[in-house]
Amino acid sequence: MTVALVGAGPGDIGLVTIRALELVEDCDVLVYDRLAAPALVARARHAMKIARDPLTQQEVNDVLVEHGRRGSRVVRLKGGDPFLFGRGGEEAEALADAGVPYEIVPGVSALSAAPGLAGIPLTHRGVSRQITVVTGSSGEGADLDYDQLAATPGTLVIFMGLRRLAHIADHLILAGRPADEPVAVVSRASMPDQAVVVAPLCGIAAAAVHLPSPSLVVVGAVVDLVREPDLRGHLDEAPAVD
């Protein structure tokens, strides 16, 4: 394959797949996100390294197509999984349209990694048998369907929702989601400075205001299933807000 769209996992290099590491170490060109671990980027010892941050999505697509057409071994290193809020589908479409061969290498997504590392099961017998996953920041500027989310049972997981958490929480409550429903925000999952804040829906925005991105928001009764004493000692517990 000339281009590989590779998931870098949630951050810790230890959570990268063997295939991903092989491709990174052997590539000629590495196009990487800021969420990719610096230690992983450094493993591309002989590659031209291109940071994604200053580029538009169209420019990223053009870079992949250009170097792919030259026959270079290109790795597009993306945080988490390429096909889960990673715009990997758009890049794959651009490569396919240009006739450039490509490979998809799935990564460990924050969807499973962040709650798991915080000790929160997304599903649990008798508590939740359904997961709803949304993004809190739409590229098109559209807001969430709060009526639907309030009426949908099970666990709600919100990507990229930290900056709009007060707005999201307020509108979920107005749509009928319980104000005292437990919520966890997992910040920088798998990294040395990982932090977890637990609070009711009505107070989570204030409790998590100090957390840095990337963060994942988990809403639902499963948040109450964090039982490990050593983990509880590292949680920032927030009192209920009247």
Protein backbone atom coordinates (compact mmCIF):
# COMPACT_ATOMS: atom_id res chain seq x y z
CA MET A 1 0.00 0.00 0.00
CA THR A 2 1.25 3.50 -0.71
CA VAL A 3 -0.94 5.26 1.90
CA ALA A 4 -2.04 3.91 5.27
CA LEU A 5 -4.67 5.66 7.38
CA VAL A 6 -3.50 4.61 10.82
CA GLY A 7 -5.19 4.91 14.20
CA ALA A 8 -2.76 6.07 16.88
CA GLY A 9 -5.01 5.14 19.79
CA PRO A 10 -5.90 7.41 22.71
CA GLY A 11 -2.36 8.64 23.41
CA ASP A 12 -0.21 6.10 25.22
CA ILE A 13 2.18 4.47 22.73
CA GLY A 14 1.57 1.16 24.49
CA LEU A 15 -1.98 1.13 23.10
CA VAL A 16 -0.86 1.30 19.46
CA THR A 17 -1.36 -1.85 17.35
CA ILE A 18 1.62 -3.83 16.10
CA ARG A 19 0.63 -3.10 12.49
CA ALA A 20 0.48 0.63 13.19
CA LEU A 21 3.95 0.61 14.73
CA GLU A 22 5.39 -1.35 11.80
CA LEU A 23 4.02 1.14 9.30
CA VAL A 24 5.19 4.19 11.25
CA GLU A 25 8.73 2.82 11.60
CA ASP A 26 8.93 1.99 7.89
CA CYS A 27 7.26 5.02 6.29
CA ASP A 28 8.75 7.67 4.02
CA VAL A 29 6.18 10.36 4.85
CA LEU A 30 4.32 10.82 8.12
CA VAL A 31 1.33 13.14 8.32
CA TYR A 32 0.39 13.29 11.99
CA ASP A 33 -2.21 14.82 14.30
CA ARG A 34 -1.28 16.72 17.46
CA LEU A 35 -3.03 13.99 19.46
CA ALA A 36 -0.52 11.38 18.28
CA ALA A 37 2.02 10.57 20.99
CA PRO A 38 5.37 12.34 20.39
CA ALA A 39 7.10 9.04 21.20
CA LEU A 40 5.19 7.39 18.36
CA VAL A 41 5.94 10.21 15.91
CA ALA A 42 9.62 9.87 16.84
CA ARG A 43 9.56 6.22 15.72
CA ALA A 44 9.30 7.44 12.11
CA ARG A 45 13.05 8.01 12.16
CA HIS A 46 13.64 8.29 8.41
CA ALA A 47 10.40 9.94 7.36
CA MET A 48 9.48 13.41 6.20
CA LYS A 49 7.18 14.61 8.99
CA ILE A 50 4.22 16.86 8.20
CA ALA A 51 2.06 18.25 11.01
CA ARG A 52 -1.65 18.28 10.24
CA ASP A 53 -2.60 21.22 12.47
CA PRO A 54 -1.78 24.12 10.09
CA LEU A 55 -3.44 22.39 7.14
CA THR A 56 -7.03 22.40 5.99
CA GLN A 57 -8.69 19.04 5.36
CA GLN A 58 -8.42 19.62 1.62
CA GLU A 59 -4.70 20.31 1.97
CA VAL A 60 -4.27 17.09 3.95
CA ASN A 61 -6.08 15.19 1.20
CA ASP A 62 -3.82 16.78 -1.43
CA VAL A 63 -0.66 15.88 0.50
CA LEU A 64 -1.73 12.25 0.80
CA VAL A 65 -2.62 12.01 -2.88
CA GLU A 66 0.57 13.77 -4.02
CA HIS A 67 2.96 11.57 -2.06
CA GLY A 68 0.89 8.46 -2.68
CA ARG A 69 1.09 8.97 -6.43
CA ARG A 70 4.88 9.15 -6.14
CA GLY A 71 4.90 5.69 -4.63
CA SER A 72 6.10 6.85 -1.24
CA ARG A 73 5.14 4.83 1.83
CA VAL A 74 2.80 7.34 3.46
CA VAL A 75 1.30 7.07 6.92
CA ARG A 76 -1.55 9.34 7.95
CA LEU A 77 -1.40 9.02 11.73
CA LYS A 78 -4.69 9.91 13.38
CA GLY A 79 -5.65 10.03 17.07
CA GLY A 80 -7.96 7.22 18.18
CA ASP A 81 -9.54 5.38 15.25
CA PRO A 82 -9.50 6.85 11.71
CA PHE A 83 -13.17 6.14 11.09
CA LEU A 84 -14.67 7.41 14.34
CA PHE A 85 -14.92 11.21 14.27
CA GLY A 86 -11.49 11.18 12.63
CA ARG A 87 -12.44 12.24 9.08
CA GLY A 88 -10.70 9.14 7.83
CA GLY A 89 -13.62 8.48 5.52
CA GLU A 90 -13.00 11.77 3.72
CA GLU A 91 -9.33 10.96 3.24
CA ALA A 92 -10.09 7.45 2.01
CA GLU A 93 -12.60 8.91 -0.45
CA ALA A 94 -10.00 11.39 -1.79
CA LEU A 95 -7.45 8.60 -2.26
CA ALA A 96 -9.98 6.34 -3.97
CA ASP A 97 -11.06 9.12 -6.32
CA ALA A 98 -7.39 9.74 -7.21
CA GLY A 99 -6.74 6.04 -7.81
CA VAL A 100 -4.17 5.86 -5.00
CA PRO A 101 -3.99 2.48 -3.17
CA TYR A 102 -4.56 2.76 0.56
CA GLU A 103 -4.89 0.69 3.71
CA ILE A 104 -6.98 1.27 6.84
CA VAL A 105 -5.40 0.37 10.17
CA PRO A 106 -7.98 0.63 12.97
CA GLY A 107 -6.91 2.15 16.27
CA VAL A 108 -8.06 1.89 19.86
CA SER A 109 -10.76 4.55 20.05
CA ALA A 110 -11.33 6.86 22.99
CA LEU A 111 -14.88 5.48 22.88
CA SER A 112 -13.69 2.34 24.63
CA ALA A 113 -10.32 3.47 26.01
CA ALA A 114 -11.35 6.53 28.02
CA PRO A 115 -14.23 4.95 29.98
CA GLY A 116 -12.28 1.71 30.36
CA LEU A 117 -9.23 3.44 31.80
CA ALA A 118 -11.51 5.33 34.18
CA GLY A 119 -13.11 2.06 35.33
CA ILE A 120 -16.49 2.85 33.75
CA PRO A 121 -18.23 0.08 31.75
CA LEU A 122 -20.24 1.50 28.86
CA THR A 123 -22.66 -1.41 29.11
CA HIS A 124 -23.58 -3.42 32.20
CA ARG A 125 -26.18 -6.06 32.79
CA GLY A 126 -29.29 -4.55 34.31
CA VAL A 127 -27.98 -1.00 33.95
CA SER A 128 -27.28 -0.22 30.29
CA ARG A 129 -27.47 -2.34 27.17
CA GLN A 130 -27.26 0.50 24.65
CA ILE A 131 -24.69 3.15 23.72
CA THR A 132 -25.35 6.38 21.82
CA VAL A 133 -22.29 8.19 20.46
CA VAL A 134 -22.35 11.81 19.28
CA THR A 135 -19.98 14.67 18.65
CA GLY A 136 -20.52 17.86 20.64
CA SER A 137 -18.85 20.02 17.97
CA SER A 138 -20.32 19.64 14.51
CA GLY A 139 -18.29 20.91 11.58
CA GLU A 140 -21.52 22.10 9.99
CA GLY A 141 -22.50 24.06 13.09
CA ALA A 142 -25.64 22.01 13.69
CA ASP A 143 -26.72 21.40 17.27
CA LEU A 144 -27.59 18.03 18.77
CA ASP A 145 -31.09 16.57 18.74
CA TYR A 146 -31.64 16.91 22.47
CA ASP A 147 -35.17 15.53 22.44
CA GLN A 148 -33.96 12.32 20.83
CA LEU A 149 -30.95 12.04 23.16
CA ALA A 150 -33.09 12.60 26.23
CA ALA A 151 -35.53 9.92 25.12
CA THR A 152 -32.88 7.34 24.19
CA PRO A 153 -32.09 4.86 26.99
CA GLY A 154 -28.64 3.64 27.94
CA THR A 155 -25.26 5.35 27.96
CA LEU A 156 -24.58 8.60 26.11
CA VAL A 157 -20.99 9.25 25.00
CA ILE A 158 -19.99 12.70 23.74
CA PHE A 159 -16.82 13.36 21.78
CA MET A 160 -15.43 16.90 21.55
CA GLY A 161 -18.05 18.27 23.92
CA LEU A 162 -15.96 19.83 26.67
CA ARG A 163 -16.10 23.42 25.45
CA ARG A 164 -19.88 23.26 25.03
CA LEU A 165 -20.58 21.11 28.06
CA ALA A 166 -22.68 23.70 29.91
CA HIS A 167 -24.86 24.22 26.82
CA ILE A 168 -25.17 20.49 26.19
CA ALA A 169 -26.01 19.64 29.81
CA ASP A 170 -28.61 22.40 30.09
CA HIS A 171 -30.36 21.34 26.91
CA LEU A 172 -30.34 17.66 27.84
CA ILE A 173 -32.03 18.55 31.13
CA LEU A 174 -34.56 20.81 29.41
CA ALA A 175 -35.34 17.94 27.03
CA GLY A 176 -36.05 15.60 29.96
CA ARG A 177 -32.78 13.96 30.95
CA PRO A 178 -32.58 13.79 34.79
CA ALA A 179 -30.62 16.67 36.32
CA ASP A 180 -29.07 14.29 38.85
CA GLU A 181 -27.98 11.71 36.28
CA PRO A 182 -24.31 10.82 36.87
CA VAL A 183 -21.75 12.10 34.37
CA ALA A 184 -18.02 11.52 34.02
CA VAL A 185 -15.53 13.54 32.02
CA VAL A 186 -12.32 11.68 31.22
CA SER A 187 -9.50 14.03 30.22
CA ARG A 188 -6.34 12.96 28.37
CA ALA A 189 -7.10 9.27 28.73
CA SER A 190 -4.07 6.95 28.96
CA MET A 191 -1.64 9.86 29.46
CA PRO A 192 0.31 10.49 32.69
CA ASP A 193 -1.93 13.47 33.48
CA GLN A 194 -5.21 11.63 32.89
CA ALA A 195 -7.96 13.10 35.06
CA VAL A 196 -11.55 12.05 35.74
CA VAL A 197 -14.30 14.27 37.10
CA VAL A 198 -17.65 12.84 38.27
CA ALA A 199 -20.71 15.01 38.93
CA PRO A 200 -24.47 15.12 38.28
CA LEU A 201 -25.56 16.39 34.88
CA CYS A 202 -26.63 19.72 36.38
CA GLY A 203 -23.17 20.34 37.81
CA ILE A 204 -20.74 18.63 35.45
CA ALA A 205 -19.84 21.73 33.42
CA ALA A 206 -18.71 23.63 36.51
CA ALA A 207 -16.91 20.60 37.91
CA ALA A 208 -14.97 19.93 34.70
CA VAL A 209 -14.19 23.52 33.73
CA HIS A 210 -10.50 23.10 34.59
CA LEU A 211 -9.94 19.97 32.50
CA PRO A 212 -7.90 20.13 29.29
CA SER A 213 -8.79 18.52 25.97
CA PRO A 214 -9.05 15.93 24.62
CA SER A 215 -11.85 14.83 26.91
CA LEU A 216 -14.67 12.33 26.60
CA VAL A 217 -18.04 12.78 28.32
CA VAL A 218 -19.98 9.75 29.58
CA VAL A 219 -23.59 10.25 30.69
CA GLY A 220 -25.59 7.53 32.38
CA ALA A 221 -26.04 5.20 35.32
CA VAL A 222 -22.90 3.25 34.38
CA VAL A 223 -20.85 6.12 35.81
CA ASP A 224 -21.96 5.01 39.28
CA LEU A 225 -20.30 1.61 38.72
CA VAL A 226 -16.78 2.91 39.34
CA ARG A 227 -15.92 0.76 42.36
CA GLU A 228 -12.14 0.52 42.58
CA PRO A 229 -10.85 2.23 45.78
CA ASP A 230 -7.52 3.20 44.20
CA LEU A 231 -9.30 4.81 41.24
CA ARG A 232 -11.81 6.61 43.44
CA GLY A 233 -8.88 8.18 45.27
CA HIS A 234 -7.81 9.87 42.04
CA LEU A 235 -11.23 11.16 41.03
CA ASP A 236 -12.16 14.79 41.48
CA GLU A 237 -15.49 14.36 43.21
CA ALA A 238 -17.91 17.24 42.79
CA PRO A 239 -20.92 17.79 45.03
CA ALA A 240 -24.41 17.92 43.66
CA VAL A 241 -25.56 21.34 42.56
CA ASP A 242 -28.97 22.54 43.71
